[in-house]
C-alpha atoms as a PDB file:
ATOM      1  CA  MET A   1       3.457 -58.189  45.931  1.00  0.00           C
ATOM      2  CA  GLY A   2       0.388 -59.007  43.976  1.00  0.00           C
ATOM      3  CA  PHE A   3      -2.017 -57.338  41.614  1.00  0.00           C
ATOM      4  CA  ILE A   4      -5.755 -57.069  41.816  1.00  0.00           C
ATOM      5  CA  TYR A   5      -7.622 -56.524  38.599  1.00  0.00           C
ATOM      6  CA  LEU A   6     -11.020 -54.937  38.561  1.00  0.00           C
ATOM      7  CA  GLU A   7     -13.154 -54.589  35.492  1.00  0.00           C
ATOM      8  CA  ILE A   8     -14.936 -51.259  35.726  1.00  0.00           C
ATOM      9  CA  ILE A   9     -17.977 -52.778  34.031  1.00  0.00           C
ATOM     10  CA  ASN A  10     -18.356 -55.150  36.995  1.00  0.00           C
ATOM     11  CA  PHE A  11     -18.456 -52.264  39.496  1.00  0.00           C
ATOM     12  CA  VAL A  12     -22.177 -51.957  40.186  1.00  0.00           C
ATOM     13  CA  LYS A  13     -22.440 -49.855  43.364  1.00  0.00           C
ATOM     14  CA  SER A  14     -24.687 -46.807  43.261  1.00  0.00           C
ATOM     15  CA  GLU A  15     -23.766 -43.433  44.752  1.00  0.00           C
ATOM     16  CA  ALA A  16     -25.588 -44.330  47.982  1.00  0.00           C
ATOM     17  CA  GLU A  17     -23.653 -47.613  48.306  1.00  0.00           C
ATOM     18  CA  VAL A  18     -20.178 -46.094  47.952  1.00  0.00           C
ATOM     19  CA  GLU A  19     -18.326 -46.624  51.233  1.00  0.00           C
ATOM     20  CA  ASP A  20     -14.597 -45.865  51.010  1.00  0.00           C
ATOM     21  CA  GLU A  21     -12.147 -43.907  48.864  1.00  0.00           C
ATOM     22  CA  LEU A  22     -11.491 -46.813  46.511  1.00  0.00           C
ATOM     23  CA  ASP A  23     -15.224 -47.175  45.861  1.00  0.00           C
ATOM     24  CA  LYS A  24     -15.367 -43.441  45.135  1.00  0.00           C
ATOM     25  CA  VAL A  25     -12.564 -43.761  42.585  1.00  0.00           C
ATOM     26  CA  PHE A  26     -14.233 -46.674  40.828  1.00  0.00           C
ATOM     27  CA  PHE A  27     -17.629 -44.974  40.915  1.00  0.00           C
ATOM     28  CA  MET A  28     -16.138 -41.844  39.371  1.00  0.00           C
ATOM     29  CA  LEU A  29     -14.279 -43.766  36.663  1.00  0.00           C
ATOM     30  CA  LYS A  30     -17.358 -45.762  35.699  1.00  0.00           C
ATOM     31  CA  ASN A  31     -19.800 -42.841  35.695  1.00  0.00           C
ATOM     32  CA  MET A  32     -17.528 -39.999  34.523  1.00  0.00           C
ATOM     33  CA  SER A  33     -19.074 -39.831  31.068  1.00  0.00           C
ATOM     34  CA  THR A  34     -22.572 -39.322  32.483  1.00  0.00           C
ATOM     35  CA  LEU A  35     -21.800 -37.021  35.434  1.00  0.00           C
ATOM     36  CA  LYS A  36     -22.831 -33.393  34.931  1.00  0.00           C
ATOM     37  CA  THR A  37     -21.779 -32.265  38.406  1.00  0.00           C
ATOM     38  CA  LEU A  38     -19.545 -33.713  41.070  1.00  0.00           C
ATOM     39  CA  PRO A  39     -21.534 -35.943  43.457  1.00  0.00           C
ATOM     40  CA  ARG A  40     -21.788 -34.671  47.037  1.00  0.00           C
ATOM     41  CA  ILE A  41     -19.853 -37.653  48.408  1.00  0.00           C
ATOM     42  CA  MET A  42     -16.783 -36.597  46.407  1.00  0.00           C
ATOM     43  CA  LYS A  43     -16.182 -33.077  47.659  1.00  0.00           C
ATOM     44  CA  SER A  44     -12.474 -33.561  48.469  1.00  0.00           C
ATOM     45  CA  ALA A  45      -9.876 -31.569  46.526  1.00  0.00           C
ATOM     46  CA  VAL A  46      -8.583 -34.678  44.719  1.00  0.00           C
ATOM     47  CA  PHE A  47     -11.962 -35.531  43.266  1.00  0.00           C
ATOM     48  CA  GLN A  48     -12.711 -31.921  42.407  1.00  0.00           C
ATOM     49  CA  ARG A  49      -9.445 -31.693  40.446  1.00  0.00           C
ATOM     50  CA  PHE A  50     -10.119 -35.049  38.792  1.00  0.00           C
ATOM     51  CA  PHE A  51     -13.607 -33.868  37.786  1.00  0.00           C
ATOM     52  CA  GLN A  52     -12.177 -30.636  36.351  1.00  0.00           C
ATOM     53  CA  LEU A  53      -9.665 -32.555  34.254  1.00  0.00           C
ATOM     54  CA  ALA A  54     -12.334 -34.972  33.047  1.00  0.00           C
ATOM     55  CA  SER A  55     -14.667 -32.092  32.198  1.00  0.00           C
ATOM     56  CA  TYR A  56     -11.864 -30.477  30.181  1.00  0.00           C
ATOM     57  CA  ALA A  57     -11.182 -33.756  28.383  1.00  0.00           C
ATOM     58  CA  LYS A  58     -14.874 -34.032  27.397  1.00  0.00           C
ATOM     59  CA  LEU A  59     -14.808 -30.667  25.604  1.00  0.00           C
ATOM     60  CA  THR A  60     -14.845 -30.553  21.822  1.00  0.00           C
ATOM     61  CA  LYS A  61     -11.822 -29.117  20.048  1.00  0.00           C
ATOM     62  CA  GLU A  62     -13.544 -25.744  19.562  1.00  0.00           C
ATOM     63  CA  GLU A  63     -14.750 -25.631  23.173  1.00  0.00           C
ATOM     64  CA  ARG A  64     -11.263 -26.540  24.395  1.00  0.00           C
ATOM     65  CA  THR A  65      -9.736 -23.773  22.258  1.00  0.00           C
ATOM     66  CA  MET A  66     -12.247 -21.249  23.609  1.00  0.00           C
ATOM     67  CA  TYR A  67     -11.571 -22.441  27.180  1.00  0.00           C
ATOM     68  CA  ASP A  68      -7.807 -22.186  26.680  1.00  0.00           C
ATOM     69  CA  ILE A  69      -8.175 -18.669  25.283  1.00  0.00           C
ATOM     70  CA  SER A  70     -10.332 -17.566  28.215  1.00  0.00           C
ATOM     71  CA  LEU A  71      -7.883 -19.149  30.668  1.00  0.00           C
ATOM     72  CA  LYS A  72      -4.981 -17.353  28.967  1.00  0.00           C
ATOM     73  CA  ARG A  73      -6.870 -14.055  29.175  1.00  0.00           C
ATOM     74  CA  LYS A  74      -7.511 -14.680  32.866  1.00  0.00           C
ATOM     75  CA  TRP A  75      -3.823 -15.396  33.486  1.00  0.00           C
ATOM     76  CA  ASP A  76      -2.794 -12.344  31.449  1.00  0.00           C
ATOM     77  CA  ALA A  77      -5.195 -10.123  33.385  1.00  0.00           C
ATOM     78  CA  GLU A  78      -3.835 -11.484  36.665  1.00  0.00           C
ATOM     79  CA  ALA A  79      -0.246 -10.892  35.516  1.00  0.00           C
ATOM     80  CA  VAL A  80      -1.127  -7.314  34.533  1.00  0.00           C
ATOM     81  CA  ARG A  81      -2.843  -6.750  37.883  1.00  0.00           C
ATOM     82  CA  MET A  82       0.153  -8.097  39.788  1.00  0.00           C
ATOM     83  CA  TYR A  83       2.548  -5.956  37.717  1.00  0.00           C
ATOM     84  CA  GLN A  84       0.449  -2.866  38.359  1.00  0.00           C
ATOM     85  CA  GLN A  85       0.348  -3.676  42.068  1.00  0.00           C
ATOM     86  CA  GLU A  86       4.147  -3.997  42.110  1.00  0.00           C
ATOM     87  CA  GLN A  87       4.447  -0.673  40.297  1.00  0.00           C
ATOM     88  CA  VAL A  88       2.104   1.039  42.761  1.00  0.00           C
ATOM     89  CA  GLU A  89       4.028  -0.395  45.713  1.00  0.00           C
ATOM     90  CA  GLY A  90       7.305   0.771  44.147  1.00  0.00           C
ATOM     91  CA  LEU A  91       5.908   4.257  43.560  1.00  0.00           C
ATOM     92  CA  GLU A  92       4.555   4.416  47.105  1.00  0.00           C
ATOM     93  CA  LYS A  93       7.983   3.455  48.397  1.00  0.00           C
ATOM     94  CA  GLN A  94       9.631   6.126  46.237  1.00  0.00           C
ATOM     95  CA  LEU A  95       7.055   8.668  47.377  1.00  0.00           C
ATOM     96  CA  GLY A  96       7.766   7.817  51.010  1.00  0.00           C
ATOM     97  CA  GLY A  97      11.483   8.339  50.354  1.00  0.00           C
ATOM     98  CA  LEU A  98      10.829  11.641  48.595  1.00  0.00           C
ATOM     99  CA  GLU A  99       8.586  12.820  51.429  1.00  0.00           C
ATOM    100  CA  LYS A 100      11.361  11.993  53.898  1.00  0.00           C
ATOM    101  CA  GLN A 101      13.906  13.895  51.777  1.00  0.00           C
ATOM    102  CA  LEU A 102      11.532  16.863  51.521  1.00  0.00           C
ATOM    103  CA  LYS A 103      11.041  16.903  55.284  1.00  0.00           C
ATOM    104  CA  GLU A 104      14.811  16.766  55.830  1.00  0.00           C
ATOM    105  CA  ALA A 105      15.310  19.539  53.266  1.00  0.00           C
ATOM    106  CA  LYS A 106      12.724  21.712  55.022  1.00  0.00           C
ATOM    107  CA  GLN A 107      14.464  21.167  58.354  1.00  0.00           C
ATOM    108  CA  ALA A 108      17.846  21.982  56.802  1.00  0.00           C
ATOM    109  CA  SER A 109      16.325  25.088  55.213  1.00  0.00           C
ATOM    110  CA  LYS A 110      14.934  26.233  58.547  1.00  0.00           C
ATOM    111  CA  LYS A 111      18.333  25.709  60.166  1.00  0.00           C
ATOM    112  CA  ALA A 112      19.992  27.656  57.353  1.00  0.00           C
ATOM    113  CA  VAL A 113      17.542  30.546  57.834  1.00  0.00           C
ATOM    114  CA  VAL A 114      18.220  30.614  61.584  1.00  0.00           C
ATOM    115  CA  ILE A 115      21.987  30.568  60.995  1.00  0.00           C
ATOM    116  CA  ALA A 116      21.731  33.277  58.330  1.00  0.00           C
ATOM    117  CA  LYS A 117      19.670  35.483  60.671  1.00  0.00           C
ATOM    118  CA  ALA A 118      22.169  34.970  63.488  1.00  0.00           C
ATOM    119  CA  GLN A 119      25.040  35.815  61.165  1.00  0.00           C
ATOM    120  CA  GLY A 120      23.171  38.898  59.944  1.00  0.00           C
ATOM    121  CA  GLN A 121      22.533  40.053  63.501  1.00  0.00           C
ATOM    122  CA  TYR A 122      26.176  39.473  64.394  1.00  0.00           C
ATOM    123  CA  GLN A 123      27.315  41.413  61.319  1.00  0.00           C
ATOM    124  CA  LYS A 124      24.923  44.260  62.199  1.00  0.00           C
ATOM    125  CA  ALA A 125      26.306  44.296  65.766  1.00  0.00           C
ATOM    126  CA  ILE A 126      29.853  44.519  64.348  1.00  0.00           C
ATOM    127  CA  GLU A 127      28.876  47.417  62.079  1.00  0.00           C
ATOM    128  CA  THR A 128      27.173  49.191  64.969  1.00  0.00           C
ATOM    129  CA  ALA A 129      30.220  48.639  67.179  1.00  0.00           C
ATOM    130  CA  VAL A 130      32.505  50.115  64.507  1.00  0.00           C
ATOM    131  CA  LYS A 131      30.294  53.235  64.276  1.00  0.00           C
ATOM    132  CA  LEU A 132      30.059  53.609  68.048  1.00  0.00           C
ATOM    133  CA  LYS A 133      33.826  53.173  68.364  1.00  0.00           C
ATOM    134  CA  SER A 134      34.381  55.891  65.770  1.00  0.00           C
ATOM    135  CA  MET A 135      32.036  58.133  67.795  1.00  0.00           C
ATOM    136  CA  GLY A 136      34.339  57.690  70.775  1.00  0.00           C
ATOM    137  CA  LEU A 137      32.206  55.573  73.111  1.00  0.00           C
ATOM    138  CA  SER A 138      33.988  53.335  75.599  1.00  0.00           C
ATOM    139  CA  VAL A 139      34.434  49.603  74.915  1.00  0.00           C
ATOM    140  CA  GLU A 140      32.205  48.760  77.901  1.00  0.00           C
ATOM    141  CA  GLN A 141      29.366  50.980  76.567  1.00  0.00           C
ATOM    142  CA  ILE A 142      29.674  49.486  73.078  1.00  0.00           C
ATOM    143  CA  ALA A 143      29.609  45.957  74.554  1.00  0.00           C
ATOM    144  CA  GLU A 144      26.454  46.815  76.493  1.00  0.00           C
ATOM    145  CA  VAL A 145      24.698  48.269  73.424  1.00  0.00           C
ATOM    146  CA  THR A 146      25.708  45.627  70.850  1.00  0.00           C
ATOM    147  CA  GLY A 147      25.915  42.482  72.983  1.00  0.00           C
ATOM    148  CA  LEU A 148      29.439  41.785  71.710  1.00  0.00           C
ATOM    149  CA  THR A 149      32.273  40.829  74.037  1.00  0.00           C
ATOM    150  CA  ILE A 150      34.986  43.335  74.952  1.00  0.00           C
ATOM    151  CA  ASP A 151      37.597  41.195  73.156  1.00  0.00           C
ATOM    152  CA  GLU A 152      35.538  41.273  69.938  1.00  0.00           C
ATOM    153  CA  ILE A 153      35.182  45.058  70.150  1.00  0.00           C
ATOM    154  CA  GLU A 154      38.876  45.605  70.821  1.00  0.00           C
ATOM    155  CA  LYS A 155      39.792  43.581  67.693  1.00  0.00           C
ATOM    156  CA  LEU A 156      37.723  45.950  65.519  1.00  0.00           C
ATOM    157  CA  LYS A 157      39.537  48.760  63.659  1.00  0.00           C
END
């Protein structure tokens, strides 16, 4: 294993002469202090990140503080947005559950109404059968009028 030393001052290629990735790195290191924007030959994510870090390092203390504050505000706003989105999703889920419960309750209520009506009609038929029996009608006639069975009518007092 060996080492190769390169003095950045001896790197003299221009942007047009840069050929490979190593040349790009050396070009960027040598010219970083004078670059205002990232050269078009260095559009890869690595060089973009490197340029961002170098741009941050070039900021004055006040500019860096202002940048950090704005970045913190951006992160805080994103955290608030994500929290609100989670809350909305949670509420939507709860609402869906409540809507399902309401639908089930309505169905149960409808069933209860049907059962109550049937019980009411049965009770009315029993009352009618008792009156008809007291009037002296035959069990068969009472069964025909009320819709009750003969056994049910015979059990009545």
